Amino acid sequence: MDSYRVVKQFARTLRNLDGVLEKAVKHAEARKFDANNFVTARLFPDMRPFAFQIQTACDNAKNAAANLSGKAAPRHEDTETTMAELRARIAKCLAFLDTFTAADFEATRADTMIRLPNRPGKALPAEEYLYARQMPNFYFHVTTAYDLLRHGGVEIGKSDYLGPLGFVDA
């Protein structure tokens, strides 16, 4: 199990997501509409809005890092109503994730039990918690946020989602 590398990938993906939000703001400015219209966007009436997707992606990343390291996660109220506030939420999450080192996860083994705060009395082995719960949830919400912006006309593509890659001549 390599929790540290997963946390680093969460941070990388959140940086890419922030870049996508920046493109959404520029898209709105160029077309002379309020970028904050995206904050409440949803694809279907019973779906959670864009802001929730950002908040939940951040929460999945910070909670995974905290729970797997034994540290306390910062609490962020879900009060963001603007793109600027959502970008600040991502920045706060990144600041927390960037504090971790590989040593923070050395005591966690695949079978370490991780208690689930939203399921009192329940826990998952760390390996299942990370790979079957936190990672899929994180990427679900990041992808949904990306898709909402794409559906809203923002000109983004897979390279925006993946971010810069370290290609070398081979």
Protein backbone atom coordinates (compact mmCIF):
# COMPACT_ATOMS: atom_id res chain seq x y z
CA MET A 1 0.00 0.00 0.00
CA ASP A 2 1.42 3.38 -0.92
CA SER A 3 -0.82 5.95 0.73
CA TYR A 4 1.71 8.74 0.28
CA ARG A 5 1.79 8.37 -3.50
CA VAL A 6 -2.01 8.33 -3.66
CA VAL A 7 -2.19 11.51 -1.55
CA LYS A 8 0.35 13.13 -3.88
CA GLN A 9 -1.80 12.12 -6.86
CA PHE A 10 -4.88 13.58 -5.15
CA ALA A 11 -2.96 16.86 -4.81
CA ARG A 12 -1.89 16.76 -8.45
CA THR A 13 -5.46 16.17 -9.59
CA LEU A 14 -6.76 19.00 -7.39
CA ARG A 15 -4.18 21.33 -8.96
CA ASN A 16 -5.44 20.28 -12.37
CA LEU A 17 -9.03 20.82 -11.21
CA ASP A 18 -8.12 24.33 -10.06
CA GLY A 19 -6.73 24.99 -13.53
CA VAL A 20 -10.02 23.83 -15.02
CA LEU A 21 -11.91 26.24 -12.75
CA GLU A 22 -9.61 29.03 -13.88
CA LYS A 23 -10.46 28.22 -17.49
CA ALA A 24 -14.17 28.28 -16.60
CA VAL A 25 -13.80 31.77 -15.14
CA LYS A 26 -11.97 32.99 -18.26
CA HIS A 27 -14.60 31.32 -20.45
CA ALA A 28 -17.37 33.22 -18.64
CA GLU A 29 -15.47 36.52 -18.81
CA ALA A 30 -14.91 36.14 -22.56
CA ARG A 31 -18.61 35.48 -23.09
CA LYS A 32 -19.69 38.16 -20.64
CA PHE A 33 -21.62 36.06 -18.13
CA ASP A 34 -21.15 35.44 -14.44
CA ALA A 35 -18.83 32.48 -13.84
CA ASN A 36 -20.66 31.90 -10.57
CA ASN A 37 -23.54 30.50 -12.62
CA PHE A 38 -21.49 27.29 -12.73
CA VAL A 39 -21.59 26.94 -8.92
CA THR A 40 -25.18 25.67 -8.94
CA ALA A 41 -24.96 23.75 -12.23
CA ARG A 42 -26.20 20.19 -12.32
CA LEU A 43 -26.98 17.73 -15.10
CA PHE A 44 -30.23 16.47 -13.60
CA PRO A 45 -32.60 17.89 -10.95
CA ASP A 46 -31.82 15.21 -8.33
CA MET A 47 -28.06 15.62 -8.75
CA ARG A 48 -25.85 17.55 -6.33
CA PRO A 49 -24.57 20.87 -7.77
CA PHE A 50 -21.10 21.79 -8.96
CA ALA A 51 -20.08 23.31 -5.61
CA PHE A 52 -20.81 20.01 -3.87
CA GLN A 53 -18.58 18.18 -6.36
CA ILE A 54 -15.62 20.42 -5.50
CA GLN A 55 -16.28 20.30 -1.77
CA THR A 56 -16.59 16.52 -1.75
CA ALA A 57 -13.50 15.92 -3.90
CA CYS A 58 -11.51 18.05 -1.45
CA ASP A 59 -13.03 16.26 1.55
CA ASN A 60 -12.25 12.83 0.13
CA ALA A 61 -8.61 13.77 -0.43
CA LYS A 62 -8.00 15.46 2.94
CA ASN A 63 -9.89 12.81 4.90
CA ALA A 64 -7.97 9.99 3.22
CA ALA A 65 -4.66 11.64 4.07
CA ALA A 66 -5.73 12.35 7.64
CA ASN A 67 -7.27 8.95 8.36
CA LEU A 68 -4.38 7.00 6.88
CA SER A 69 -1.76 9.04 8.74
CA GLY A 70 -3.54 9.39 12.06
CA LYS A 71 -3.60 13.19 11.80
CA ALA A 72 -6.67 15.36 12.22
CA ALA A 73 -8.20 16.76 9.05
CA PRO A 74 -9.09 20.44 9.01
CA ARG A 75 -12.80 21.12 8.99
CA HIS A 76 -14.10 23.15 6.08
CA GLU A 77 -17.66 24.41 6.17
CA ASP A 78 -19.54 23.84 2.93
CA THR A 79 -20.44 27.49 2.45
CA GLU A 80 -18.79 28.27 -0.89
CA THR A 81 -21.09 30.16 -3.28
CA THR A 82 -18.59 31.56 -5.81
CA MET A 83 -15.91 30.19 -8.08
CA ALA A 84 -13.34 32.20 -6.11
CA GLU A 85 -14.46 30.54 -2.88
CA LEU A 86 -14.32 27.10 -4.50
CA ARG A 87 -10.79 27.79 -5.72
CA ALA A 88 -9.88 28.90 -2.19
CA ARG A 89 -11.33 25.61 -0.89
CA ILE A 90 -9.06 23.69 -3.25
CA ALA A 91 -6.09 25.83 -2.12
CA LYS A 92 -6.81 25.08 1.57
CA CYS A 93 -7.02 21.37 0.81
CA LEU A 94 -3.76 21.48 -1.14
CA ALA A 95 -2.03 23.33 1.67
CA PHE A 96 -3.03 20.50 4.01
CA LEU A 97 -2.07 17.71 1.59
CA ASP A 98 1.31 19.33 0.97
CA THR A 99 2.22 18.92 4.65
CA PHE A 100 2.44 15.13 4.35
CA THR A 101 5.60 13.10 3.90
CA ALA A 102 6.03 9.39 3.27
CA ALA A 103 6.96 8.96 6.93
CA ASP A 104 3.44 10.03 7.95
CA PHE A 105 2.03 6.80 6.53
CA GLU A 106 4.69 4.32 7.68
CA ALA A 107 2.61 2.95 10.57
CA THR A 108 -0.42 2.25 8.38
CA ARG A 109 -0.68 -1.28 7.01
CA ALA A 110 -3.19 -2.75 4.57
CA ASP A 111 -5.13 -4.27 7.46
CA THR A 112 -5.10 -1.16 9.70
CA MET A 113 -8.71 -0.43 10.51
CA ILE A 114 -9.98 3.00 9.48
CA ARG A 115 -13.09 4.14 11.31
CA LEU A 116 -15.75 5.80 9.19
CA PRO A 117 -17.14 8.92 10.85
CA ASN A 118 -20.32 8.93 8.78
CA ARG A 119 -21.01 5.28 9.61
CA PRO A 120 -20.84 5.01 13.40
CA GLY A 121 -19.41 1.73 14.60
CA LYS A 122 -18.09 0.80 11.14
CA ALA A 123 -14.54 0.57 9.83
CA LEU A 124 -12.71 -0.65 6.75
CA PRO A 125 -9.22 -2.10 6.35
CA ALA A 126 -6.93 0.72 5.15
CA GLU A 127 -6.36 -0.90 1.77
CA GLU A 128 -10.08 -1.20 1.04
CA TYR A 129 -10.74 2.26 2.51
CA LEU A 130 -8.20 3.86 0.17
CA TYR A 131 -8.56 1.87 -3.03
CA ALA A 132 -12.24 0.90 -2.98
CA ARG A 133 -13.76 3.93 -1.24
CA GLN A 134 -11.69 7.12 -1.19
CA MET A 135 -10.05 6.92 -4.62
CA PRO A 136 -13.22 6.09 -6.57
CA ASN A 137 -15.21 8.74 -4.66
CA PHE A 138 -12.53 11.36 -5.24
CA TYR A 139 -12.32 10.72 -8.98
CA PHE A 140 -16.11 10.49 -9.31
CA HIS A 141 -16.53 14.02 -7.96
CA VAL A 142 -13.58 15.48 -9.89
CA THR A 143 -14.90 13.96 -13.11
CA THR A 144 -18.43 15.18 -12.40
CA ALA A 145 -17.13 18.73 -11.83
CA TYR A 146 -15.15 18.53 -15.08
CA ASP A 147 -18.21 17.21 -16.95
CA LEU A 148 -20.45 19.98 -15.61
CA LEU A 149 -18.05 22.62 -16.91
CA ARG A 150 -17.65 20.84 -20.24
CA HIS A 151 -21.43 20.62 -20.54
CA GLY A 152 -21.51 24.37 -19.77
CA GLY A 153 -19.38 25.05 -22.84
CA VAL A 154 -15.97 25.47 -21.21
CA GLU A 155 -13.33 24.45 -23.72
CA ILE A 156 -11.44 21.84 -21.74
CA GLY A 157 -10.15 18.45 -22.73
CA LYS A 158 -8.44 15.38 -21.38
CA SER A 159 -5.09 17.17 -21.16
CA ASP A 160 -6.67 19.68 -18.74
CA TYR A 161 -7.95 16.80 -16.61
CA LEU A 162 -4.60 14.96 -16.65
CA GLY A 163 -2.45 18.06 -16.37
CA PRO A 164 1.15 18.33 -17.50
CA LEU A 165 2.98 15.05 -17.97
CA GLY A 166 6.75 14.61 -17.83
CA PHE A 167 7.30 13.30 -21.34
CA VAL A 168 10.90 12.51 -22.30
CA ASP A 169 12.50 11.57 -25.58
CA ALA A 170 12.89 7.82 -25.80
